[in-house]
Amino acid sequence: MLKDVTFGQYYPGNSLLHRTDPRIKMIMMIEYLVIILMANSVPAVLLGMGLTLFLMVCSGVRFSVLIKSVKPLIFVLIFTAVINLFFTAGGGDPLVQLGFIKIYKQGIRNAVMMLIRLLSLVLGTSVLISFTTSPLELTDSIESLLSPLKKIGVPVHEFAMMMSIALRFIPTLIEETNKIISAQKSRCADFESGNIISRVKALIPILIPLFVSAVRRAEELADAMECRCYHGGEGRTKLKVMKASASDYVFLFCVTAVIVGIVFLNKIYFLI
């Protein structure tokens, strides 16, 4: 399962989203989260899903990679859909009744809508940030957007650097975890049989070496930064200066227009 985790991985390319200014993509991601969370009617959810499909096409990332990013969350998606399906009561007679289990039309609607919203959240944020934005671009964009906070003493550069390093080392730690699991299995370790308590205890031989490895990598990174006289963002220049183009602002305007459309659809739908 861990090998299917793609969060934090960057896929180089020359698609429309790859060429978009990273600061614009950060603003678009915030707007995208607002769009998905505000969509509480069928037309609004469908509009949000259409925006997600549009972003997937603009990313240029293979469809198989996008599906792979959803696989680790299949259990969460199914569990959420089931909860909405069986625990949502609606007016009128139930469509299906098996003993105390009742399924209403409203429950089916809520389950489908929640499933679409969660899928859209995962896919949309992945193509906007993880797959099409390198860790360096992500650091620069966060630092640039939060730069006004420097005036009140907020260490913006250090905060952006920590986020970038955390994202950068997610794939590394996943790879390290897979290696530890394989090594323990070669020593006849069993992680799948037994009750829940036995499975939790079986994770101890994985967590301890993983924690030691993470601390060792952090120390090595700190030593490397000190050897290169790293002292924060003060006085540092950038190899690539970010500059938003007209097409970037058009892209941002289109996403903002979708927010207005979803607000309008929500009001119209509930008025009807």
Protein backbone atom coordinates (compact mmCIF):
# COMPACT_ATOMS: atom_id res chain seq x y z
CA MET A 1 0.00 0.00 0.00
CA LEU A 2 2.81 2.43 0.83
CA LYS A 3 4.23 2.15 -2.66
CA ASP A 4 0.97 3.65 -3.95
CA VAL A 5 1.40 6.86 -1.94
CA THR A 6 2.25 9.62 -4.42
CA PHE A 7 1.76 12.66 -2.18
CA GLY A 8 4.82 14.91 -2.27
CA GLN A 9 6.11 13.52 -5.57
CA TYR A 10 6.82 15.95 -8.41
CA TYR A 11 6.34 14.90 -12.02
CA PRO A 12 8.32 17.15 -14.42
CA GLY A 13 6.49 18.32 -17.51
CA ASN A 14 5.61 21.24 -19.75
CA SER A 15 1.84 21.33 -19.31
CA LEU A 16 -0.27 24.42 -18.70
CA LEU A 17 -0.21 23.86 -14.93
CA HIS A 18 3.55 23.23 -14.95
CA ARG A 19 4.08 26.60 -16.66
CA THR A 20 1.69 28.47 -14.36
CA ASP A 21 3.29 30.73 -11.74
CA PRO A 22 3.49 28.79 -8.44
CA ARG A 23 2.06 31.74 -6.49
CA ILE A 24 -1.00 31.70 -8.74
CA LYS A 25 -1.32 27.95 -8.18
CA MET A 26 -1.22 28.43 -4.41
CA ILE A 27 -4.05 30.99 -4.61
CA MET A 28 -5.94 28.69 -6.98
CA MET A 29 -5.57 25.81 -4.53
CA ILE A 30 -7.12 27.91 -1.73
CA GLU A 31 -9.95 28.88 -4.03
CA TYR A 32 -10.34 25.26 -5.12
CA LEU A 33 -10.75 24.13 -1.50
CA VAL A 34 -13.41 26.80 -1.04
CA ILE A 35 -15.17 25.60 -4.20
CA ILE A 36 -15.32 21.96 -3.11
CA LEU A 37 -16.35 22.73 0.48
CA MET A 38 -19.04 25.20 -0.58
CA ALA A 39 -20.62 22.87 -3.13
CA ASN A 40 -23.65 21.44 -1.30
CA SER A 41 -26.07 21.03 -4.19
CA VAL A 42 -26.03 18.62 -7.12
CA PRO A 43 -25.34 21.26 -9.84
CA ALA A 44 -22.59 22.83 -7.70
CA VAL A 45 -20.92 19.46 -7.05
CA LEU A 46 -21.04 18.65 -10.77
CA LEU A 47 -19.48 22.03 -11.56
CA GLY A 48 -16.71 21.36 -9.03
CA MET A 49 -16.14 17.92 -10.56
CA GLY A 50 -15.92 19.52 -14.00
CA LEU A 51 -13.25 21.91 -12.70
CA THR A 52 -11.34 18.94 -11.26
CA LEU A 53 -11.39 17.13 -14.61
CA PHE A 54 -10.24 20.33 -16.33
CA LEU A 55 -7.30 20.66 -13.94
CA MET A 56 -6.40 17.00 -14.46
CA VAL A 57 -6.24 17.56 -18.23
CA CYS A 58 -4.23 20.78 -17.81
CA SER A 59 -1.71 19.02 -15.55
CA GLY A 60 -0.52 16.63 -18.25
CA VAL A 61 -0.05 13.91 -15.60
CA ARG A 62 -0.93 10.38 -16.72
CA PHE A 63 -4.34 9.15 -15.63
CA SER A 64 -2.79 6.02 -14.09
CA VAL A 65 -0.69 8.21 -11.78
CA LEU A 66 -3.75 10.19 -10.72
CA ILE A 67 -5.68 7.00 -9.94
CA LYS A 68 -2.68 5.71 -8.01
CA SER A 69 -2.86 8.76 -5.73
CA VAL A 70 -6.41 7.79 -4.73
CA LYS A 71 -5.73 4.10 -3.97
CA PRO A 72 -4.39 4.63 -0.40
CA LEU A 73 -7.62 6.47 0.48
CA ILE A 74 -10.08 3.89 -0.89
CA PHE A 75 -11.00 2.66 2.61
CA VAL A 76 -11.66 6.22 3.83
CA LEU A 77 -13.78 6.97 0.75
CA ILE A 78 -15.85 3.80 1.10
CA PHE A 79 -16.28 4.27 4.86
CA THR A 80 -17.46 7.87 4.41
CA ALA A 81 -19.92 6.86 1.67
CA VAL A 82 -21.32 4.01 3.79
CA ILE A 83 -21.79 6.28 6.81
CA ASN A 84 -23.74 8.80 4.71
CA LEU A 85 -25.72 6.03 3.03
CA PHE A 86 -26.97 4.19 6.13
CA PHE A 87 -27.11 7.00 8.69
CA THR A 88 -28.94 9.68 6.74
CA ALA A 89 -32.66 9.83 7.40
CA GLY A 90 -34.96 11.43 4.88
CA GLY A 91 -38.59 12.29 4.57
CA GLY A 92 -40.94 9.69 3.19
CA ASP A 93 -40.63 5.94 2.96
CA PRO A 94 -37.21 4.27 2.73
CA LEU A 95 -36.13 2.87 -0.63
CA VAL A 96 -34.58 -0.22 1.00
CA GLN A 97 -35.34 -1.66 4.43
CA LEU A 98 -33.57 -4.71 5.88
CA GLY A 99 -34.45 -4.94 9.54
CA PHE A 100 -33.13 -1.86 11.29
CA ILE A 101 -31.16 -0.84 8.17
CA LYS A 102 -32.97 1.79 6.13
CA ILE A 103 -31.72 3.49 2.99
CA TYR A 104 -33.38 6.71 1.94
CA LYS A 105 -33.09 8.68 -1.26
CA GLN A 106 -31.41 11.49 0.66
CA GLY A 107 -28.80 9.03 1.98
CA ILE A 108 -27.88 7.89 -1.54
CA ARG A 109 -27.63 11.51 -2.66
CA ASN A 110 -25.40 12.47 0.28
CA ALA A 111 -23.18 9.41 -0.17
CA VAL A 112 -22.59 10.08 -3.87
CA MET A 113 -21.99 13.79 -3.31
CA MET A 114 -19.56 13.19 -0.45
CA LEU A 115 -17.66 10.62 -2.50
CA ILE A 116 -17.33 13.04 -5.43
CA ARG A 117 -16.22 15.88 -3.14
CA LEU A 118 -13.52 13.79 -1.45
CA LEU A 119 -12.23 12.49 -4.79
CA SER A 120 -12.16 16.04 -6.12
CA LEU A 121 -10.25 17.27 -3.06
CA VAL A 122 -7.56 14.60 -3.43
CA LEU A 123 -7.16 14.88 -7.21
CA GLY A 124 -7.42 18.67 -7.41
CA THR A 125 -4.90 19.46 -4.68
CA SER A 126 -2.53 16.81 -6.05
CA VAL A 127 -2.44 18.23 -9.59
CA LEU A 128 -2.24 21.84 -8.39
CA ILE A 129 0.55 21.46 -5.85
CA SER A 130 2.20 18.07 -5.58
CA PHE A 131 2.44 16.81 -9.17
CA THR A 132 3.06 20.08 -11.03
CA THR A 133 5.03 22.18 -8.52
CA SER A 134 8.57 21.36 -7.51
CA PRO A 135 9.60 21.70 -3.84
CA LEU A 136 11.79 24.70 -4.70
CA GLU A 137 8.93 26.47 -6.48
CA LEU A 138 6.63 25.65 -3.59
CA THR A 139 9.08 27.17 -1.10
CA ASP A 140 9.50 30.33 -3.15
CA SER A 141 5.74 30.75 -3.64
CA ILE A 142 4.94 30.33 0.07
CA GLU A 143 7.69 32.76 1.02
CA SER A 144 6.50 35.29 -1.53
CA LEU A 145 2.83 35.11 -0.52
CA LEU A 146 3.65 35.34 3.19
CA SER A 147 6.33 38.03 2.80
CA PRO A 148 4.12 40.81 4.30
CA LEU A 149 4.26 38.91 7.62
CA LYS A 150 8.00 39.62 7.82
CA LYS A 151 7.15 43.13 8.96
CA ILE A 152 5.73 41.77 12.22
CA GLY A 153 8.65 39.43 12.86
CA VAL A 154 7.28 36.16 11.44
CA PRO A 155 10.14 33.91 10.15
CA VAL A 156 8.53 33.39 6.75
CA HIS A 157 11.60 31.93 5.02
CA GLU A 158 12.21 29.37 7.75
CA PHE A 159 8.54 28.37 7.73
CA ALA A 160 8.54 27.90 3.95
CA MET A 161 11.79 25.94 4.11
CA MET A 162 10.38 23.57 6.74
CA MET A 163 7.31 22.87 4.62
CA SER A 164 9.42 22.27 1.54
CA ILE A 165 11.75 19.86 3.37
CA ALA A 166 8.78 18.01 4.85
CA LEU A 167 7.22 17.51 1.40
CA ARG A 168 10.57 16.58 -0.08
CA PHE A 169 11.19 13.79 2.42
CA ILE A 170 7.73 12.19 2.27
CA PRO A 171 8.69 9.93 -0.70
CA THR A 172 12.06 9.21 0.94
CA LEU A 173 10.47 8.09 4.20
CA ILE A 174 7.94 5.95 2.31
CA GLU A 175 10.76 4.26 0.44
CA GLU A 176 12.63 3.74 3.71
CA THR A 177 9.51 2.23 5.30
CA ASN A 178 9.13 -0.23 2.42
CA LYS A 179 12.75 -1.30 2.83
CA ILE A 180 12.32 -1.85 6.58
CA ILE A 181 9.12 -3.87 6.01
CA SER A 182 10.86 -6.05 3.43
CA ALA A 183 13.81 -6.59 5.76
CA GLN A 184 11.53 -7.57 8.65
CA LYS A 185 9.51 -9.92 6.45
CA SER A 186 12.74 -11.65 5.39
CA ARG A 187 13.25 -12.32 9.11
CA CYS A 188 9.81 -14.01 9.26
CA ALA A 189 8.00 -11.01 10.73
CA ASP A 190 4.21 -11.23 10.41
CA PHE A 191 2.27 -7.99 9.98
CA GLU A 192 -1.06 -9.34 8.70
CA SER A 193 -2.26 -12.13 10.99
CA GLY A 194 -3.57 -11.90 14.55
CA ASN A 195 -5.90 -9.45 16.26
CA ILE A 196 -5.60 -5.67 16.22
CA ILE A 197 -3.34 -5.61 19.31
CA SER A 198 -0.93 -8.10 17.74
CA ARG A 199 -0.77 -6.06 14.53
CA VAL A 200 -0.04 -2.87 16.46
CA LYS A 201 2.77 -4.60 18.36
CA ALA A 202 4.15 -5.90 15.07
CA LEU A 203 4.63 -2.29 13.91
CA ILE A 204 7.18 -1.58 16.64
CA PRO A 205 10.10 -3.18 14.68
CA ILE A 206 9.15 -0.83 11.82
CA LEU A 207 8.58 2.41 13.71
CA ILE A 208 11.77 2.34 15.79
CA PRO A 209 14.27 2.00 12.89
CA LEU A 210 12.17 4.44 10.84
CA PHE A 211 12.36 7.02 13.65
CA VAL A 212 16.12 6.48 14.00
CA SER A 213 16.56 6.85 10.23
CA ALA A 214 14.51 10.06 10.15
CA VAL A 215 16.55 11.60 12.98
CA ARG A 216 19.79 10.60 11.27
CA ARG A 217 18.68 12.17 7.98
CA ALA A 218 17.67 15.36 9.80
CA GLU A 219 21.10 15.59 11.44
CA GLU A 220 22.86 15.00 8.12
CA LEU A 221 20.75 17.69 6.46
CA ALA A 222 21.47 20.16 9.27
CA ASP A 223 25.22 19.47 9.03
CA ALA A 224 25.13 19.92 5.25
CA MET A 225 23.33 23.27 5.57
CA GLU A 226 25.81 24.47 8.20
CA CYS A 227 28.80 23.42 6.07
CA ARG A 228 27.40 25.54 3.23
CA CYS A 229 27.02 28.54 5.58
CA TYR A 230 23.24 28.58 5.29
CA HIS A 231 21.79 31.39 7.42
CA GLY A 232 18.21 31.88 6.26
CA GLY A 233 16.73 34.01 3.52
CA GLU A 234 18.35 37.34 4.37
CA GLY A 235 20.41 38.64 1.46
CA ARG A 236 19.83 35.53 -0.66
CA THR A 237 19.09 35.81 -4.37
CA LYS A 238 17.09 33.40 -6.52
CA LEU A 239 18.17 31.58 -9.65
CA LYS A 240 14.65 31.71 -11.09
CA VAL A 241 12.66 34.87 -10.43
CA MET A 242 8.92 34.22 -10.41
CA LYS A 243 6.89 36.35 -12.79
CA ALA A 244 3.19 35.84 -13.47
CA SER A 245 2.05 36.16 -17.08
CA ALA A 246 -1.27 37.31 -18.48
CA SER A 247 -2.35 33.70 -19.04
CA ASP A 248 -1.78 32.98 -15.35
CA TYR A 249 -4.20 35.72 -14.35
CA VAL A 250 -6.73 34.48 -16.88
CA PHE A 251 -6.43 31.01 -15.34
CA LEU A 252 -6.96 32.49 -11.86
CA PHE A 253 -9.96 34.48 -13.08
CA CYS A 254 -11.58 31.33 -14.48
CA VAL A 255 -11.24 29.50 -11.15
CA THR A 256 -12.64 32.54 -9.32
CA ALA A 257 -15.57 32.59 -11.74
CA VAL A 258 -16.32 28.98 -10.79
CA ILE A 259 -16.62 30.06 -7.13
CA VAL A 260 -19.19 32.68 -8.14
CA GLY A 261 -20.99 30.07 -10.24
CA ILE A 262 -21.15 27.61 -7.34
CA VAL A 263 -22.53 30.25 -4.96
CA PHE A 264 -25.16 31.13 -7.56
CA LEU A 265 -26.07 27.46 -8.19
CA ASN A 266 -26.40 26.78 -4.46
CA LYS A 267 -28.83 29.66 -4.02
CA ILE A 268 -30.87 28.81 -7.12
CA TYR A 269 -31.06 25.10 -6.22
CA PHE A 270 -32.35 25.63 -2.69
CA LEU A 271 -34.77 28.36 -3.79
CA ILE A 272 -36.32 25.87 -6.22
